Amino acid sequence: MLKFSQLVAPGAITVQVKSAQRDEVLAELLDSVVASGVVPAGLRDELMLRVLERERKGSTGFGRGVAVPHVKHKGVSKMAAAIGLSQRGIDFNALDKQPVHSVVLLVSPEDKPEDHLQAMEVIFKNLSKETFRRMLRQAASADDVRQLLTDADNMALPA
């Protein structure tokens, strides 16, 4: 079973994103995945274009303060996620028109669609729980987020 904690790239947790603008937050999270070494730096600009293209087709802001932008690319060999938190909120054009406070960016290999789906399932399973969302928003450090992910992987948090 895929674990949420294993999906998040080392160093790819930002407890206070710098911007309140969607595109700048997406760039910040993508840069953190590239900096982790999981995604080749040469793919950064193309991945950014694809993430923005996906957002134009329909917002990945699913409501309840959460967005899960995602992108697949043939040059990516290993799945990786980044988490960004915003106290003030980001306008993601979310379905419920509310600002987004927790963003999980998922970057996946193009040739492993089943892994991508499984990762999205793990992410959504956790983000659909009120307790998890609240604890994620209250996290004060990357270590707090990492601990929350590990706890969520090891036991079912209450809805």
N, C-alpha and C. Protein backbone atom coordinates (compact mmCIF):
# COMPACT_ATOMS: atom_id res chain seq x y z
N MET A 1 0.84 -1.19 0.00
CA MET A 1 0.00 0.00 0.00
C MET A 1 0.88 1.26 0.00
N LEU A 2 0.56 2.16 -0.87
CA LEU A 2 1.29 3.41 -0.98
C LEU A 2 1.06 4.28 0.26
N LYS A 3 2.13 4.87 0.76
CA LYS A 3 2.02 5.72 1.96
C LYS A 3 2.18 7.19 1.57
N PHE A 4 1.32 8.03 2.15
CA PHE A 4 1.35 9.47 1.91
C PHE A 4 2.73 10.02 2.25
N SER A 5 3.28 9.58 3.38
CA SER A 5 4.57 10.10 3.84
C SER A 5 5.70 9.80 2.85
N GLN A 6 5.58 8.67 2.13
CA GLN A 6 6.62 8.30 1.17
C GLN A 6 6.49 9.09 -0.14
N LEU A 7 5.30 9.58 -0.40
CA LEU A 7 5.07 10.36 -1.62
C LEU A 7 5.74 11.72 -1.59
N VAL A 8 5.76 12.33 -0.41
CA VAL A 8 6.25 13.70 -0.29
C VAL A 8 7.77 13.72 -0.35
N ALA A 9 8.27 14.45 -1.35
CA ALA A 9 9.72 14.51 -1.58
C ALA A 9 10.42 15.17 -0.39
N PRO A 10 11.67 14.74 -0.10
CA PRO A 10 12.43 15.35 0.99
C PRO A 10 12.57 16.86 0.76
N GLY A 11 12.27 17.63 1.76
CA GLY A 11 12.40 19.08 1.64
C GLY A 11 11.29 19.76 0.85
N ALA A 12 10.25 19.02 0.49
CA ALA A 12 9.18 19.58 -0.34
C ALA A 12 7.93 19.91 0.47
N ILE A 13 8.14 20.35 1.72
CA ILE A 13 7.02 20.80 2.55
C ILE A 13 7.27 22.26 2.89
N THR A 14 6.33 23.11 2.53
CA THR A 14 6.44 24.54 2.80
C THR A 14 5.27 24.93 3.71
N VAL A 15 5.56 25.24 4.97
CA VAL A 15 4.47 25.53 5.91
C VAL A 15 3.89 26.92 5.73
N GLN A 16 4.60 27.82 5.08
CA GLN A 16 4.01 29.13 4.75
C GLN A 16 4.49 29.54 3.36
N VAL A 17 3.65 29.26 2.38
CA VAL A 17 4.03 29.65 1.01
C VAL A 17 4.16 31.17 0.95
N LYS A 18 5.02 31.62 0.05
CA LYS A 18 5.33 33.05 -0.02
C LYS A 18 4.20 33.87 -0.62
N SER A 19 3.46 33.29 -1.56
CA SER A 19 2.47 34.06 -2.31
C SER A 19 1.04 33.67 -1.97
N ALA A 20 0.11 34.53 -2.34
CA ALA A 20 -1.31 34.19 -2.25
C ALA A 20 -1.86 33.96 -3.66
N GLN A 21 -0.97 34.04 -4.67
CA GLN A 21 -1.36 33.84 -6.07
C GLN A 21 -1.13 32.39 -6.47
N ARG A 22 -2.16 31.79 -7.06
CA ARG A 22 -2.10 30.37 -7.43
C ARG A 22 -0.85 30.01 -8.23
N ASP A 23 -0.57 30.73 -9.31
CA ASP A 23 0.53 30.35 -10.20
C ASP A 23 1.88 30.44 -9.49
N GLU A 24 2.04 31.44 -8.63
CA GLU A 24 3.29 31.59 -7.88
C GLU A 24 3.45 30.48 -6.85
N VAL A 25 2.35 30.07 -6.23
CA VAL A 25 2.39 28.97 -5.27
C VAL A 25 2.74 27.67 -6.00
N LEU A 26 2.14 27.45 -7.16
CA LEU A 26 2.46 26.25 -7.95
C LEU A 26 3.94 26.22 -8.31
N ALA A 27 4.49 27.37 -8.70
CA ALA A 27 5.92 27.45 -9.05
C ALA A 27 6.78 27.14 -7.82
N GLU A 28 6.39 27.67 -6.67
CA GLU A 28 7.15 27.45 -5.44
C GLU A 28 7.17 25.96 -5.08
N LEU A 29 6.02 25.30 -5.20
CA LEU A 29 5.95 23.87 -4.87
C LEU A 29 6.71 23.03 -5.88
N LEU A 30 6.58 23.37 -7.16
CA LEU A 30 7.31 22.64 -8.19
C LEU A 30 8.82 22.80 -7.98
N ASP A 31 9.24 24.02 -7.64
CA ASP A 31 10.67 24.25 -7.37
C ASP A 31 11.16 23.41 -6.19
N SER A 32 10.30 23.20 -5.19
CA SER A 32 10.73 22.40 -4.03
C SER A 32 10.90 20.93 -4.42
N VAL A 33 10.08 20.44 -5.36
CA VAL A 33 10.23 19.06 -5.83
C VAL A 33 11.51 18.94 -6.65
N VAL A 34 11.77 19.92 -7.51
CA VAL A 34 13.00 19.93 -8.31
C VAL A 34 14.22 19.99 -7.37
N ALA A 35 14.16 20.86 -6.36
CA ALA A 35 15.28 21.00 -5.42
C ALA A 35 15.54 19.71 -4.64
N SER A 36 14.49 18.90 -4.46
CA SER A 36 14.65 17.64 -3.73
C SER A 36 15.45 16.62 -4.55
N GLY A 37 15.60 16.88 -5.84
CA GLY A 37 16.36 15.98 -6.70
C GLY A 37 15.53 14.88 -7.33
N VAL A 38 14.25 14.80 -6.99
CA VAL A 38 13.40 13.74 -7.53
C VAL A 38 13.02 14.02 -8.99
N VAL A 39 12.85 15.29 -9.32
CA VAL A 39 12.47 15.70 -10.67
C VAL A 39 13.64 16.45 -11.30
N PRO A 40 14.02 16.09 -12.53
CA PRO A 40 15.14 16.78 -13.18
C PRO A 40 14.86 18.28 -13.38
N ALA A 41 15.85 19.11 -13.06
CA ALA A 41 15.68 20.56 -13.17
C ALA A 41 15.33 20.98 -14.59
N GLY A 42 15.82 20.26 -15.58
CA GLY A 42 15.54 20.58 -16.98
C GLY A 42 14.08 20.47 -17.36
N LEU A 43 13.29 19.78 -16.55
CA LEU A 43 11.87 19.60 -16.84
C LEU A 43 11.00 20.67 -16.18
N ARG A 44 11.59 21.49 -15.33
CA ARG A 44 10.81 22.41 -14.49
C ARG A 44 9.84 23.28 -15.30
N ASP A 45 10.35 23.95 -16.35
CA ASP A 45 9.50 24.88 -17.10
C ASP A 45 8.37 24.16 -17.83
N GLU A 46 8.68 23.01 -18.42
CA GLU A 46 7.64 22.24 -19.11
C GLU A 46 6.59 21.73 -18.13
N LEU A 47 7.03 21.26 -16.97
CA LEU A 47 6.08 20.79 -15.95
C LEU A 47 5.19 21.95 -15.49
N MET A 48 5.79 23.13 -15.33
CA MET A 48 5.03 24.29 -14.91
C MET A 48 3.93 24.61 -15.94
N LEU A 49 4.29 24.58 -17.21
CA LEU A 49 3.31 24.84 -18.27
C LEU A 49 2.17 23.82 -18.21
N ARG A 50 2.52 22.56 -17.99
CA ARG A 50 1.50 21.50 -17.93
C ARG A 50 0.58 21.65 -16.72
N VAL A 51 1.16 22.03 -15.59
CA VAL A 51 0.34 22.24 -14.37
C VAL A 51 -0.65 23.38 -14.62
N LEU A 52 -0.17 24.47 -15.22
CA LEU A 52 -1.04 25.61 -15.49
C LEU A 52 -2.12 25.27 -16.52
N GLU A 53 -1.72 24.46 -17.50
CA GLU A 53 -2.68 24.00 -18.53
C GLU A 53 -3.79 23.19 -17.86
N ARG A 54 -3.41 22.33 -16.93
CA ARG A 54 -4.39 21.52 -16.20
C ARG A 54 -5.35 22.41 -15.41
N GLU A 55 -4.83 23.45 -14.79
CA GLU A 55 -5.67 24.37 -14.02
C GLU A 55 -6.64 25.13 -14.93
N ARG A 56 -6.19 25.45 -16.15
CA ARG A 56 -7.08 26.16 -17.09
C ARG A 56 -8.26 25.29 -17.50
N LYS A 57 -8.01 23.98 -17.61
CA LYS A 57 -9.09 23.04 -17.99
C LYS A 57 -10.13 22.93 -16.89
N GLY A 58 -9.70 23.07 -15.67
CA GLY A 58 -10.59 22.98 -14.52
C GLY A 58 -9.77 23.07 -13.26
N SER A 59 -10.23 23.84 -12.31
CA SER A 59 -9.47 24.04 -11.09
C SER A 59 -9.29 22.72 -10.34
N THR A 60 -8.11 22.55 -9.76
CA THR A 60 -7.86 21.40 -8.90
C THR A 60 -8.16 21.77 -7.44
N GLY A 61 -8.75 22.95 -7.24
CA GLY A 61 -9.22 23.35 -5.92
C GLY A 61 -10.56 22.67 -5.69
N PHE A 62 -10.54 21.62 -4.87
CA PHE A 62 -11.71 20.75 -4.75
C PHE A 62 -12.68 21.18 -3.66
N GLY A 63 -12.37 22.28 -3.00
CA GLY A 63 -13.25 22.71 -1.93
C GLY A 63 -12.68 22.35 -0.57
N ARG A 64 -13.31 22.87 0.48
CA ARG A 64 -12.90 22.64 1.87
C ARG A 64 -11.45 23.05 2.12
N GLY A 65 -10.99 24.07 1.35
CA GLY A 65 -9.65 24.61 1.60
C GLY A 65 -8.50 23.81 1.03
N VAL A 66 -8.80 22.93 0.06
CA VAL A 66 -7.79 21.99 -0.44
C VAL A 66 -7.67 22.05 -1.96
N ALA A 67 -6.44 21.96 -2.46
CA ALA A 67 -6.21 21.82 -3.90
C ALA A 67 -5.17 20.73 -4.12
N VAL A 68 -5.37 19.95 -5.19
CA VAL A 68 -4.43 18.88 -5.52
C VAL A 68 -4.04 18.98 -7.00
N PRO A 69 -3.21 19.98 -7.34
CA PRO A 69 -2.73 20.06 -8.72
C PRO A 69 -1.84 18.85 -9.02
N HIS A 70 -1.90 18.38 -10.26
CA HIS A 70 -1.12 17.19 -10.59
C HIS A 70 -0.70 17.23 -12.05
N VAL A 71 0.42 16.58 -12.33
CA VAL A 71 0.97 16.56 -13.69
C VAL A 71 1.72 15.25 -13.90
N LYS A 72 1.61 14.72 -15.15
CA LYS A 72 2.37 13.53 -15.53
C LYS A 72 3.33 13.92 -16.64
N HIS A 73 4.51 13.31 -16.65
CA HIS A 73 5.50 13.62 -17.68
C HIS A 73 6.38 12.40 -17.93
N LYS A 74 6.72 12.18 -19.19
CA LYS A 74 7.54 11.01 -19.55
C LYS A 74 8.97 11.10 -19.00
N GLY A 75 9.43 12.33 -18.71
CA GLY A 75 10.78 12.51 -18.19
C GLY A 75 10.90 12.32 -16.69
N VAL A 76 9.76 12.10 -16.04
CA VAL A 76 9.76 11.89 -14.59
C VAL A 76 9.82 10.39 -14.33
N SER A 77 10.78 9.95 -13.51
CA SER A 77 10.92 8.51 -13.28
C SER A 77 10.31 8.06 -11.96
N LYS A 78 10.13 9.00 -11.03
CA LYS A 78 9.63 8.63 -9.72
C LYS A 78 8.55 9.63 -9.29
N MET A 79 7.48 9.12 -8.74
CA MET A 79 6.40 9.98 -8.28
C MET A 79 6.87 10.79 -7.09
N ALA A 80 6.44 12.06 -7.05
CA ALA A 80 6.81 12.92 -5.94
C ALA A 80 5.72 13.96 -5.70
N ALA A 81 5.53 14.29 -4.43
CA ALA A 81 4.55 15.30 -4.06
C ALA A 81 5.23 16.40 -3.25
N ALA A 82 4.63 17.58 -3.31
CA ALA A 82 5.05 18.70 -2.47
C ALA A 82 3.80 19.20 -1.76
N ILE A 83 3.98 19.69 -0.55
CA ILE A 83 2.85 20.23 0.22
C ILE A 83 3.15 21.69 0.54
N GLY A 84 2.17 22.54 0.28
CA GLY A 84 2.29 23.95 0.62
C GLY A 84 1.09 24.39 1.44
N LEU A 85 1.34 25.13 2.51
CA LEU A 85 0.27 25.62 3.37
C LEU A 85 0.23 27.14 3.34
N SER A 86 -0.97 27.67 3.45
CA SER A 86 -1.15 29.12 3.45
C SER A 86 -2.19 29.50 4.49
N GLN A 87 -1.77 30.29 5.46
CA GLN A 87 -2.72 30.75 6.48
C GLN A 87 -3.75 31.70 5.87
N ARG A 88 -3.29 32.60 5.02
CA ARG A 88 -4.21 33.61 4.48
C ARG A 88 -5.11 33.07 3.37
N GLY A 89 -4.67 32.01 2.73
CA GLY A 89 -5.49 31.41 1.68
C GLY A 89 -5.08 31.85 0.29
N ILE A 90 -5.31 30.97 -0.68
CA ILE A 90 -4.93 31.18 -2.07
C ILE A 90 -6.20 31.08 -2.90
N ASP A 91 -6.38 32.00 -3.85
CA ASP A 91 -7.53 31.91 -4.74
C ASP A 91 -7.22 30.88 -5.82
N PHE A 92 -7.81 29.72 -5.70
CA PHE A 92 -7.58 28.62 -6.65
C PHE A 92 -8.77 28.44 -7.58
N ASN A 93 -9.72 29.39 -7.50
CA ASN A 93 -10.96 29.23 -8.27
C ASN A 93 -11.60 27.89 -7.90
N ALA A 94 -11.59 27.59 -6.60
CA ALA A 94 -12.07 26.30 -6.10
C ALA A 94 -13.57 26.14 -6.34
N LEU A 95 -14.00 24.89 -6.37
CA LEU A 95 -15.40 24.57 -6.64
C LEU A 95 -16.35 25.24 -5.67
N ASP A 96 -15.94 25.37 -4.40
CA ASP A 96 -16.83 25.99 -3.41
C ASP A 96 -16.55 27.50 -3.25
N LYS A 97 -15.69 28.03 -4.13
CA LYS A 97 -15.36 29.47 -4.14
C LYS A 97 -14.62 29.94 -2.89
N GLN A 98 -14.18 29.01 -2.05
CA GLN A 98 -13.45 29.36 -0.83
C GLN A 98 -11.95 29.34 -1.10
N PRO A 99 -11.17 30.12 -0.33
CA PRO A 99 -9.72 30.10 -0.51
C PRO A 99 -9.14 28.75 -0.12
N VAL A 100 -8.02 28.42 -0.74
CA VAL A 100 -7.32 27.16 -0.47
C VAL A 100 -6.21 27.41 0.54
N HIS A 101 -6.12 26.54 1.55
CA HIS A 101 -5.10 26.67 2.58
C HIS A 101 -4.06 25.55 2.52
N SER A 102 -4.40 24.44 1.87
CA SER A 102 -3.49 23.30 1.77
C SER A 102 -3.43 22.85 0.31
N VAL A 103 -2.21 22.84 -0.24
CA VAL A 103 -2.00 22.43 -1.63
C VAL A 103 -1.06 21.23 -1.64
N VAL A 104 -1.48 20.17 -2.34
CA VAL A 104 -0.61 19.01 -2.53
C VAL A 104 -0.38 18.89 -4.03
N LEU A 105 0.84 19.15 -4.47
CA LEU A 105 1.22 19.04 -5.88
C LEU A 105 1.80 17.65 -6.11
N LEU A 106 1.24 16.92 -7.09
CA LEU A 106 1.72 15.58 -7.40
C LEU A 106 2.32 15.55 -8.79
N VAL A 107 3.56 15.07 -8.90
CA VAL A 107 4.26 14.92 -10.17
C VAL A 107 4.49 13.42 -10.36
N SER A 108 4.03 12.90 -11.52
CA SER A 108 4.08 11.44 -11.74
C SER A 108 4.69 11.10 -13.09
N PRO A 109 5.28 9.88 -13.18
CA PRO A 109 5.73 9.39 -14.48
C PRO A 109 4.51 9.15 -15.38
N GLU A 110 4.66 9.50 -16.65
CA GLU A 110 3.55 9.36 -17.59
C GLU A 110 3.17 7.89 -17.82
N ASP A 111 4.16 7.00 -17.72
CA ASP A 111 3.92 5.60 -18.07
C ASP A 111 3.44 4.75 -16.89
N LYS A 112 3.05 5.39 -15.79
CA LYS A 112 2.56 4.63 -14.63
C LYS A 112 1.24 5.21 -14.14
N PRO A 113 0.20 5.16 -15.01
CA PRO A 113 -1.08 5.78 -14.63
C PRO A 113 -1.71 5.14 -13.40
N GLU A 114 -1.49 3.85 -13.19
CA GLU A 114 -2.09 3.19 -12.02
C GLU A 114 -1.46 3.69 -10.72
N ASP A 115 -0.15 3.98 -10.75
CA ASP A 115 0.51 4.54 -9.57
C ASP A 115 -0.02 5.95 -9.29
N HIS A 116 -0.22 6.71 -10.36
CA HIS A 116 -0.74 8.08 -10.22
C HIS A 116 -2.13 8.04 -9.56
N LEU A 117 -2.97 7.14 -10.04
CA LEU A 117 -4.32 7.02 -9.47
C LEU A 117 -4.28 6.59 -8.01
N GLN A 118 -3.39 5.66 -7.70
CA GLN A 118 -3.26 5.20 -6.32
C GLN A 118 -2.78 6.34 -5.42
N ALA A 119 -1.85 7.15 -5.92
CA ALA A 119 -1.36 8.29 -5.14
C ALA A 119 -2.47 9.30 -4.91
N MET A 120 -3.25 9.58 -5.95
CA MET A 120 -4.36 10.53 -5.82
C MET A 120 -5.37 10.00 -4.79
N GLU A 121 -5.59 8.70 -4.81
CA GLU A 121 -6.52 8.08 -3.86
C GLU A 121 -6.04 8.27 -2.42
N VAL A 122 -4.75 8.03 -2.18
CA VAL A 122 -4.17 8.19 -0.84
C VAL A 122 -4.29 9.66 -0.39
N ILE A 123 -3.98 10.57 -1.30
CA ILE A 123 -4.04 12.00 -0.97
C ILE A 123 -5.48 12.39 -0.62
N PHE A 124 -6.43 12.00 -1.48
CA PHE A 124 -7.82 12.38 -1.24
C PHE A 124 -8.42 11.71 -0.02
N LYS A 125 -8.02 10.48 0.23
CA LYS A 125 -8.54 9.76 1.40
C LYS A 125 -8.22 10.56 2.67
N ASN A 126 -7.03 11.10 2.73
CA ASN A 126 -6.63 11.89 3.90
C ASN A 126 -7.24 13.28 3.89
N LEU A 127 -7.21 13.93 2.75
CA LEU A 127 -7.73 15.30 2.67
C LEU A 127 -9.25 15.37 2.83
N SER A 128 -9.91 14.25 2.69
CA SER A 128 -11.37 14.25 2.87
C SER A 128 -11.75 14.21 4.34
N LYS A 129 -10.75 13.97 5.21
CA LYS A 129 -11.02 13.91 6.66
C LYS A 129 -10.83 15.28 7.29
N GLU A 130 -11.86 15.73 7.96
CA GLU A 130 -11.84 17.04 8.61
C GLU A 130 -10.65 17.15 9.59
N THR A 131 -10.43 16.12 10.38
CA THR A 131 -9.34 16.13 11.37
C THR A 131 -7.99 16.32 10.69
N PHE A 132 -7.76 15.60 9.61
CA PHE A 132 -6.50 15.69 8.89
C PHE A 132 -6.31 17.09 8.33
N ARG A 133 -7.35 17.63 7.70
CA ARG A 133 -7.25 18.97 7.12
C ARG A 133 -6.95 20.02 8.20
N ARG A 134 -7.62 19.90 9.32
CA ARG A 134 -7.41 20.86 10.41
C ARG A 134 -5.98 20.76 10.95
N MET A 135 -5.52 19.54 11.18
CA MET A 135 -4.17 19.35 11.72
C MET A 135 -3.11 19.80 10.71
N LEU A 136 -3.38 19.59 9.44
CA LEU A 136 -2.45 20.03 8.40
C LEU A 136 -2.34 21.56 8.41
N ARG A 137 -3.48 22.23 8.48
CA ARG A 137 -3.48 23.69 8.52
C ARG A 137 -2.79 24.24 9.75
N GLN A 138 -2.85 23.51 10.85
CA GLN A 138 -2.25 23.98 12.11
C GLN A 138 -0.77 23.63 12.23
N ALA A 139 -0.24 22.87 11.30
CA ALA A 139 1.17 22.45 11.37
C ALA A 139 2.08 23.67 11.36
N ALA A 140 3.00 23.72 12.30
CA ALA A 140 3.89 24.88 12.44
C ALA A 140 5.23 24.66 11.75
N SER A 141 5.54 23.42 11.40
CA SER A 141 6.84 23.13 10.78
C SER A 141 6.70 21.95 9.81
N ALA A 142 7.72 21.80 8.98
CA ALA A 142 7.75 20.67 8.05
C ALA A 142 7.76 19.35 8.83
N ASP A 143 8.43 19.35 9.99
CA ASP A 143 8.44 18.14 10.83
C ASP A 143 7.04 17.79 11.32
N ASP A 144 6.25 18.83 11.68
CA ASP A 144 4.86 18.60 12.10
C ASP A 144 4.06 17.94 10.97
N VAL A 145 4.25 18.44 9.75
CA VAL A 145 3.53 17.89 8.60
C VAL A 145 3.97 16.45 8.37
N ARG A 146 5.27 16.22 8.40
CA ARG A 146 5.82 14.88 8.18
C ARG A 146 5.25 13.90 9.22
N GLN A 147 5.18 14.34 10.48
CA GLN A 147 4.63 13.50 11.56
C GLN A 147 3.15 13.21 11.32
N LEU A 148 2.41 14.21 10.87
CA LEU A 148 0.99 14.02 10.57
C LEU A 148 0.81 12.98 9.46
N LEU A 149 1.63 13.07 8.42
CA LEU A 149 1.55 12.11 7.31
C LEU A 149 1.85 10.70 7.80
N THR A 150 2.89 10.58 8.62
CA THR A 150 3.27 9.27 9.17
C THR A 150 2.15 8.71 10.05
N ASP A 151 1.58 9.57 10.90
CA ASP A 151 0.46 9.13 11.75
C ASP A 151 -0.72 8.68 10.90
N ALA A 152 -1.01 9.45 9.86
CA ALA A 152 -2.13 9.10 8.97
C ALA A 152 -1.88 7.77 8.27
N ASP A 153 -0.62 7.52 7.89
CA ASP A 153 -0.28 6.26 7.24
C ASP A 153 -0.42 5.06 8.19
N ASN A 154 -0.06 5.29 9.44
CA ASN A 154 0.00 4.18 10.40
C ASN A 154 -1.32 3.87 11.10
N MET A 155 -2.21 4.84 11.10
CA MET A 155 -3.50 4.60 11.74
C MET A 155 -4.53 5.48 11.07
N ALA A 156 -5.74 5.05 11.14
CA ALA A 156 -6.81 5.84 10.52
C ALA A 156 -7.18 6.99 11.46
N LEU A 157 -6.97 8.21 10.96
CA LEU A 157 -7.42 9.38 11.73
C LEU A 157 -8.95 9.43 11.64
N PRO A 158 -9.61 9.92 12.66
CA PRO A 158 -11.07 10.01 12.57
C PRO A 158 -11.50 11.01 11.51
N ALA A 159 -12.65 10.77 10.92
CA ALA A 159 -13.19 11.69 9.93
C ALA A 159 -13.58 12.95 10.64
